[in-house]
N, C-alpha and C. Protein backbone atom coordinates (compact mmCIF):
# COMPACT_ATOMS: atom_id res chain seq x y z
N UNK A 1 57.32 15.40 -19.36
CA UNK A 1 58.04 15.15 -20.42
C UNK A 1 57.82 13.68 -21.03
N UNK A 2 57.93 12.65 -20.00
CA UNK A 2 57.78 11.30 -20.58
C UNK A 2 56.18 11.21 -20.99
N UNK A 3 55.22 11.94 -20.44
CA UNK A 3 53.99 11.79 -20.94
C UNK A 3 53.75 12.19 -22.35
N UNK A 4 54.48 13.41 -22.82
CA UNK A 4 54.44 13.93 -24.10
C UNK A 4 55.00 12.83 -25.08
N UNK A 5 56.21 12.37 -24.47
CA UNK A 5 56.92 11.29 -25.43
C UNK A 5 56.08 10.06 -25.70
N UNK A 6 55.40 9.56 -24.67
CA UNK A 6 54.40 8.42 -24.63
C UNK A 6 53.34 8.77 -25.80
N UNK A 7 52.74 10.09 -25.65
CA UNK A 7 51.67 10.41 -26.57
C UNK A 7 52.18 10.49 -27.97
N UNK A 8 53.41 10.92 -28.18
CA UNK A 8 54.06 11.01 -29.53
C UNK A 8 53.97 9.64 -30.19
N UNK A 9 54.64 8.64 -29.31
CA UNK A 9 54.78 7.34 -29.85
C UNK A 9 53.33 6.74 -30.22
N UNK A 10 52.40 6.77 -29.40
CA UNK A 10 51.11 6.43 -29.46
C UNK A 10 50.42 6.95 -30.94
N UNK A 11 50.75 8.24 -31.10
CA UNK A 11 50.17 8.90 -32.34
C UNK A 11 50.93 8.31 -33.43
N UNK A 12 52.26 8.20 -33.43
CA UNK A 12 53.07 7.60 -34.56
C UNK A 12 52.61 6.06 -34.90
N UNK A 13 52.23 5.35 -33.96
CA UNK A 13 51.88 3.99 -34.05
C UNK A 13 50.53 3.96 -34.84
N UNK A 14 49.67 4.83 -34.29
CA UNK A 14 48.40 4.90 -34.96
C UNK A 14 48.57 5.36 -36.31
N UNK A 15 49.36 6.34 -36.53
CA UNK A 15 49.53 6.99 -38.05
C UNK A 15 50.04 5.71 -38.89
N UNK A 16 50.92 4.88 -38.48
CA UNK A 16 51.41 3.85 -39.18
C UNK A 16 50.25 2.75 -39.48
N UNK A 17 49.64 2.48 -38.50
CA UNK A 17 48.59 1.50 -38.77
C UNK A 17 47.47 2.13 -39.65
N UNK A 18 47.19 3.28 -39.58
CA UNK A 18 46.17 3.80 -40.42
C UNK A 18 46.52 3.93 -41.81
N UNK A 19 47.81 4.06 -42.03
CA UNK A 19 48.22 3.96 -43.48
C UNK A 19 48.08 2.50 -44.05
N UNK A 20 48.49 1.40 -43.33
CA UNK A 20 48.38 0.20 -43.69
C UNK A 20 46.91 -0.13 -43.84
N UNK A 21 45.88 0.35 -43.07
CA UNK A 21 44.45 -0.03 -43.27
C UNK A 21 43.94 0.69 -44.35
N UNK A 22 44.33 1.99 -44.58
CA UNK A 22 43.81 2.72 -45.81
C UNK A 22 44.31 2.03 -47.07
N UNK A 23 45.43 1.43 -47.03
CA UNK A 23 45.91 0.69 -48.33
C UNK A 23 45.04 -0.38 -48.60
N UNK A 24 44.79 -1.25 -47.62
CA UNK A 24 43.97 -2.48 -47.83
C UNK A 24 42.52 -1.94 -48.17
N UNK A 25 42.01 -0.98 -47.51
CA UNK A 25 40.64 -0.48 -47.84
C UNK A 25 40.54 -0.10 -49.42
N UNK A 26 41.67 0.55 -49.68
CA UNK A 26 41.60 1.02 -51.15
C UNK A 26 41.59 -0.17 -52.18
N UNK A 27 42.34 -1.18 -51.82
CA UNK A 27 42.44 -2.19 -52.65
C UNK A 27 40.88 -2.99 -52.59
N UNK A 28 40.38 -3.10 -51.53
CA UNK A 28 39.12 -3.65 -51.47
C UNK A 28 37.99 -2.88 -51.97
N UNK A 29 38.10 -1.56 -52.02
CA UNK A 29 37.13 -0.84 -52.50
C UNK A 29 37.23 -0.78 -54.21
N UNK A 30 38.49 -0.82 -54.58
CA UNK A 30 38.79 -1.11 -56.22
C UNK A 30 38.06 -2.32 -56.61
N UNK A 31 38.26 -3.43 -55.67
CA UNK A 31 37.90 -4.71 -56.13
C UNK A 31 36.24 -4.65 -56.05
N UNK A 32 35.74 -4.02 -55.03
CA UNK A 32 34.29 -3.97 -55.04
C UNK A 32 33.68 -3.25 -56.13
N UNK A 33 34.24 -2.18 -56.50
CA UNK A 33 34.01 -1.32 -57.75
C UNK A 33 34.27 -2.12 -59.06
N UNK A 34 35.23 -2.88 -59.20
CA UNK A 34 35.49 -3.46 -60.53
C UNK A 34 34.86 -4.83 -60.69
N UNK A 35 34.65 -5.49 -59.59
CA UNK A 35 34.29 -6.97 -59.68
C UNK A 35 32.65 -6.86 -59.36
N UNK A 36 31.86 -7.18 -60.04
CA UNK A 36 30.48 -7.00 -59.65
C UNK A 36 29.91 -8.13 -58.61
N UNK A 37 30.75 -9.08 -58.29
CA UNK A 37 30.41 -10.06 -57.23
C UNK A 37 30.62 -9.63 -55.80
N UNK A 38 31.41 -8.43 -55.54
CA UNK A 38 31.70 -7.94 -54.24
C UNK A 38 32.78 -8.38 -53.61
N UNK A 39 33.13 -7.74 -52.52
CA UNK A 39 34.41 -7.83 -51.69
C UNK A 39 34.47 -9.16 -50.87
N UNK A 40 35.65 -9.78 -50.50
CA UNK A 40 35.60 -10.79 -49.76
C UNK A 40 34.98 -10.68 -48.36
N UNK A 41 34.47 -11.75 -47.84
CA UNK A 41 33.80 -11.74 -46.47
C UNK A 41 34.58 -12.34 -45.46
N UNK A 42 35.45 -13.40 -45.58
CA UNK A 42 36.16 -13.93 -44.73
C UNK A 42 37.45 -13.24 -44.48
N UNK A 43 37.85 -13.35 -43.27
CA UNK A 43 39.12 -12.75 -42.86
C UNK A 43 40.29 -13.26 -43.49
N UNK A 44 40.35 -14.85 -43.89
CA UNK A 44 41.46 -15.55 -44.38
C UNK A 44 41.68 -14.97 -45.80
N UNK A 45 40.57 -14.67 -46.60
CA UNK A 45 40.73 -14.19 -47.93
C UNK A 45 41.20 -12.69 -47.76
N UNK A 46 40.68 -11.98 -46.96
CA UNK A 46 41.18 -10.57 -46.87
C UNK A 46 42.63 -10.38 -46.63
N UNK A 47 43.24 -11.29 -45.90
CA UNK A 47 44.68 -11.26 -45.42
C UNK A 47 45.49 -11.77 -46.60
N UNK A 48 45.03 -12.78 -47.42
CA UNK A 48 45.92 -13.24 -48.53
C UNK A 48 45.31 -12.75 -50.01
N UNK A 49 44.68 -11.51 -49.98
CA UNK A 49 44.15 -11.13 -51.17
C UNK A 49 45.35 -10.49 -52.09
N UNK A 50 45.28 -10.87 -53.19
CA UNK A 50 46.40 -10.33 -54.09
C UNK A 50 46.26 -8.77 -54.13
N UNK A 51 47.40 -8.08 -53.90
CA UNK A 51 47.55 -6.58 -53.97
C UNK A 51 47.68 -6.31 -55.54
N UNK A 52 46.63 -5.69 -56.12
CA UNK A 52 46.54 -5.37 -57.52
C UNK A 52 47.55 -4.34 -58.04
N UNK A 53 48.27 -3.71 -56.90
CA UNK A 53 49.36 -2.83 -57.49
C UNK A 53 50.78 -3.44 -57.22
N UNK A 54 50.80 -4.66 -56.76
CA UNK A 54 52.17 -5.41 -56.54
C UNK A 54 52.70 -5.79 -57.96
N UNK A 55 54.06 -5.81 -57.84
CA UNK A 55 54.85 -6.23 -59.20
C UNK A 55 54.39 -7.43 -59.81
N UNK A 56 53.91 -8.41 -59.17
CA UNK A 56 53.37 -9.65 -59.64
C UNK A 56 52.22 -9.41 -60.54
N UNK A 57 51.16 -8.64 -59.80
CA UNK A 57 50.05 -8.43 -60.59
C UNK A 57 50.37 -7.60 -61.94
N UNK A 58 51.14 -6.61 -61.74
CA UNK A 58 51.59 -5.70 -63.04
C UNK A 58 52.35 -6.66 -64.05
N UNK A 59 53.19 -7.42 -63.63
CA UNK A 59 53.78 -8.35 -64.56
C UNK A 59 52.84 -9.34 -65.19
N UNK A 60 51.76 -9.73 -64.65
CA UNK A 60 50.70 -10.71 -65.27
C UNK A 60 49.71 -9.74 -65.95
N UNK A 61 49.90 -8.38 -65.99
CA UNK A 61 48.70 -7.62 -66.39
C UNK A 61 47.43 -8.10 -65.93
N UNK A 62 47.31 -8.39 -64.50
CA UNK A 62 46.22 -8.81 -63.82
C UNK A 62 45.09 -7.72 -63.71
N UNK A 63 43.79 -7.96 -64.05
CA UNK A 63 42.69 -7.15 -63.88
C UNK A 63 41.71 -7.92 -62.90
N UNK A 64 40.97 -6.97 -62.05
CA UNK A 64 40.11 -7.71 -61.15
C UNK A 64 38.75 -8.05 -61.84
N UNK A 65 38.42 -7.52 -63.09
CA UNK A 65 37.33 -7.79 -63.92
C UNK A 65 37.87 -8.09 -65.30
N UNK A 66 37.47 -9.24 -65.84
CA UNK A 66 38.03 -9.68 -67.07
C UNK A 66 37.46 -8.73 -68.25
N UNK A 67 36.36 -7.83 -67.91
CA UNK A 67 35.86 -6.98 -68.91
C UNK A 67 36.84 -5.84 -69.22
N UNK A 68 37.84 -5.74 -68.06
CA UNK A 68 38.87 -4.56 -68.14
C UNK A 68 39.88 -4.99 -69.24
N UNK A 69 40.01 -6.35 -69.53
CA UNK A 69 41.22 -6.88 -70.13
C UNK A 69 40.94 -6.88 -71.65
N UNK A 70 39.91 -6.24 -72.16
CA UNK A 70 39.49 -6.39 -73.71
C UNK A 70 40.42 -5.81 -74.49
N UNK A 71 41.25 -4.90 -74.08
CA UNK A 71 42.49 -4.37 -74.88
C UNK A 71 43.65 -5.20 -75.00
N UNK A 72 43.74 -6.11 -74.21
CA UNK A 72 44.97 -7.03 -74.28
C UNK A 72 44.96 -7.96 -75.29
N UNK A 73 45.99 -8.18 -76.00
CA UNK A 73 46.11 -9.04 -77.33
C UNK A 73 45.86 -10.55 -76.93
N UNK A 74 46.10 -11.01 -75.61
CA UNK A 74 45.93 -12.38 -75.61
C UNK A 74 44.45 -12.66 -74.75
N UNK A 75 43.65 -11.69 -74.67
CA UNK A 75 42.33 -11.87 -74.00
C UNK A 75 41.50 -12.22 -75.12
N UNK A 76 40.44 -13.15 -74.72
CA UNK A 76 39.38 -13.75 -75.65
C UNK A 76 38.18 -13.61 -74.74
N UNK A 77 36.98 -13.20 -75.48
CA UNK A 77 35.82 -13.18 -74.70
C UNK A 77 35.49 -14.38 -73.96
N UNK A 78 35.00 -14.48 -72.65
CA UNK A 78 34.57 -15.73 -71.91
C UNK A 78 35.81 -16.12 -70.93
N UNK A 79 36.97 -15.51 -71.11
CA UNK A 79 38.01 -15.92 -70.25
C UNK A 79 38.00 -15.31 -68.92
N UNK A 80 38.12 -16.09 -67.69
CA UNK A 80 38.24 -15.24 -66.54
C UNK A 80 38.81 -16.43 -65.61
N UNK A 81 39.17 -15.84 -64.42
CA UNK A 81 39.87 -16.81 -63.37
C UNK A 81 39.08 -18.02 -63.07
N UNK A 82 37.79 -17.88 -63.00
CA UNK A 82 36.81 -19.01 -62.63
C UNK A 82 37.06 -20.26 -63.69
N UNK A 83 37.55 -19.96 -64.86
CA UNK A 83 37.43 -21.12 -65.64
C UNK A 83 39.01 -21.26 -66.30
N UNK A 84 40.02 -20.78 -65.45
CA UNK A 84 41.37 -20.99 -65.53
C UNK A 84 41.86 -22.27 -64.94
N UNK A 85 42.96 -22.95 -65.39
CA UNK A 85 43.42 -24.09 -64.82
C UNK A 85 44.33 -23.64 -63.46
N UNK A 86 44.79 -22.53 -63.35
CA UNK A 86 45.42 -22.04 -62.16
C UNK A 86 44.70 -21.66 -60.96
N UNK A 87 43.36 -21.56 -61.24
CA UNK A 87 42.53 -20.98 -60.13
C UNK A 87 41.89 -22.19 -59.42
N UNK A 88 41.74 -22.06 -58.06
CA UNK A 88 41.07 -23.18 -57.35
C UNK A 88 40.14 -22.42 -56.46
N UNK A 89 38.85 -22.50 -56.66
CA UNK A 89 37.81 -21.84 -55.85
C UNK A 89 37.95 -22.23 -54.42
N UNK A 90 37.50 -21.37 -53.53
CA UNK A 90 37.51 -21.50 -52.07
C UNK A 90 36.17 -21.97 -51.81
N UNK A 91 35.80 -23.14 -50.83
CA UNK A 91 34.52 -23.51 -50.60
C UNK A 91 33.77 -22.54 -49.74
N UNK A 92 34.34 -21.78 -48.85
CA UNK A 92 33.66 -20.77 -47.95
C UNK A 92 33.60 -19.54 -48.65
N UNK A 93 34.25 -19.27 -49.68
CA UNK A 93 34.11 -18.02 -50.29
C UNK A 93 34.18 -18.29 -51.81
N UNK A 94 32.88 -18.42 -52.22
CA UNK A 94 32.70 -18.84 -53.65
C UNK A 94 33.12 -17.81 -54.72
N UNK A 95 33.26 -16.62 -54.30
CA UNK A 95 33.65 -15.44 -55.34
C UNK A 95 35.13 -15.45 -55.49
N UNK A 96 35.98 -15.89 -54.56
CA UNK A 96 37.41 -15.82 -54.63
C UNK A 96 38.08 -17.23 -54.48
N UNK A 97 39.42 -17.38 -54.94
CA UNK A 97 40.01 -18.58 -55.04
C UNK A 97 41.42 -18.21 -55.17
N UNK A 98 42.21 -19.43 -54.85
CA UNK A 98 43.69 -19.20 -55.02
C UNK A 98 44.27 -19.41 -56.29
N UNK A 99 45.17 -18.59 -56.74
CA UNK A 99 45.68 -18.68 -57.80
C UNK A 99 47.17 -19.12 -57.94
N UNK A 100 47.71 -20.15 -58.52
CA UNK A 100 48.90 -20.71 -58.42
C UNK A 100 49.98 -19.88 -59.12
N UNK A 101 49.52 -19.02 -59.97
CA UNK A 101 50.34 -18.02 -60.68
C UNK A 101 50.85 -16.89 -59.74
N UNK A 102 50.07 -16.43 -58.62
CA UNK A 102 50.44 -15.47 -57.81
C UNK A 102 50.72 -16.05 -56.43
N UNK A 103 51.41 -17.15 -56.25
CA UNK A 103 51.90 -17.72 -55.00
C UNK A 103 50.59 -18.05 -54.24
N UNK A 104 49.61 -18.63 -54.62
CA UNK A 104 48.38 -19.07 -54.05
C UNK A 104 47.61 -17.90 -53.33
N UNK A 105 47.83 -16.59 -53.82
CA UNK A 105 47.02 -15.46 -53.06
C UNK A 105 45.68 -15.58 -53.87
N UNK A 106 44.66 -14.94 -53.09
CA UNK A 106 43.31 -14.91 -53.53
C UNK A 106 43.11 -13.93 -54.52
N UNK A 107 42.34 -14.26 -55.61
CA UNK A 107 41.95 -13.50 -56.61
C UNK A 107 40.46 -13.55 -56.83
N UNK A 108 39.72 -12.62 -57.48
CA UNK A 108 38.33 -12.78 -57.81
C UNK A 108 37.96 -13.77 -59.00
N UNK A 109 36.98 -14.33 -58.95
CA UNK A 109 36.61 -15.28 -59.88
C UNK A 109 36.48 -14.69 -61.34
N UNK A 110 35.99 -13.39 -61.29
CA UNK A 110 35.91 -12.74 -62.54
C UNK A 110 37.21 -11.85 -63.02
N UNK A 111 38.33 -12.18 -62.36
CA UNK A 111 39.50 -11.57 -62.87
C UNK A 111 40.06 -12.23 -64.03
N UNK A 112 41.23 -11.56 -64.49
CA UNK A 112 41.89 -12.13 -65.67
C UNK A 112 43.39 -11.75 -65.62
N UNK A 113 44.44 -12.59 -66.12
CA UNK A 113 45.72 -12.22 -66.40
C UNK A 113 46.10 -12.82 -67.63
N UNK A 114 47.24 -12.32 -68.08
CA UNK A 114 47.85 -12.80 -69.29
C UNK A 114 48.34 -14.36 -69.16
N UNK A 115 48.54 -14.93 -68.09
CA UNK A 115 48.85 -16.30 -67.94
C UNK A 115 47.59 -17.32 -67.99
N UNK A 116 46.57 -16.91 -68.34
CA UNK A 116 45.31 -17.45 -68.47
C UNK A 116 45.47 -18.76 -69.23
N UNK A 117 45.03 -19.95 -68.67
CA UNK A 117 45.00 -21.23 -69.48
C UNK A 117 43.67 -21.86 -69.07
N UNK A 118 42.73 -22.22 -70.22
CA UNK A 118 41.67 -22.94 -69.92
C UNK A 118 41.75 -24.30 -69.23
N UNK A 119 40.73 -24.56 -68.38
CA UNK A 119 40.77 -25.80 -67.84
C UNK A 119 40.37 -26.83 -68.84
N UNK A 120 40.98 -28.07 -68.70
CA UNK A 120 40.64 -28.98 -69.58
C UNK A 120 39.20 -29.69 -69.18
N UNK A 121 38.38 -30.05 -70.17
CA UNK A 121 37.18 -30.51 -69.97
C UNK A 121 37.22 -32.03 -70.12
């Protein structure tokens, strides 16, 4: 009896872990598809990557590729995270950087949100 109970808990734990892994894999797959620069390579970035389905991302109208923001009234051609004042590039991961608008989570340099502000030259 205890053997089957142990087996049940192992399977349940594996199931819960699988769901979390699949969700992060879907986010990374969507990113790789929408951002031509590719998915993050360092574990630090993968762990702190903005979840594009989060309330924060939706509130900011965040898109992983600025080309997808063309329909937004605030978007202008040439705007992306890389040239936004809230974006700070990561030296070890040049494609991603921290964004102050999303609590310093990592976003792709080719992304865009409605809080975009150009960097001062």
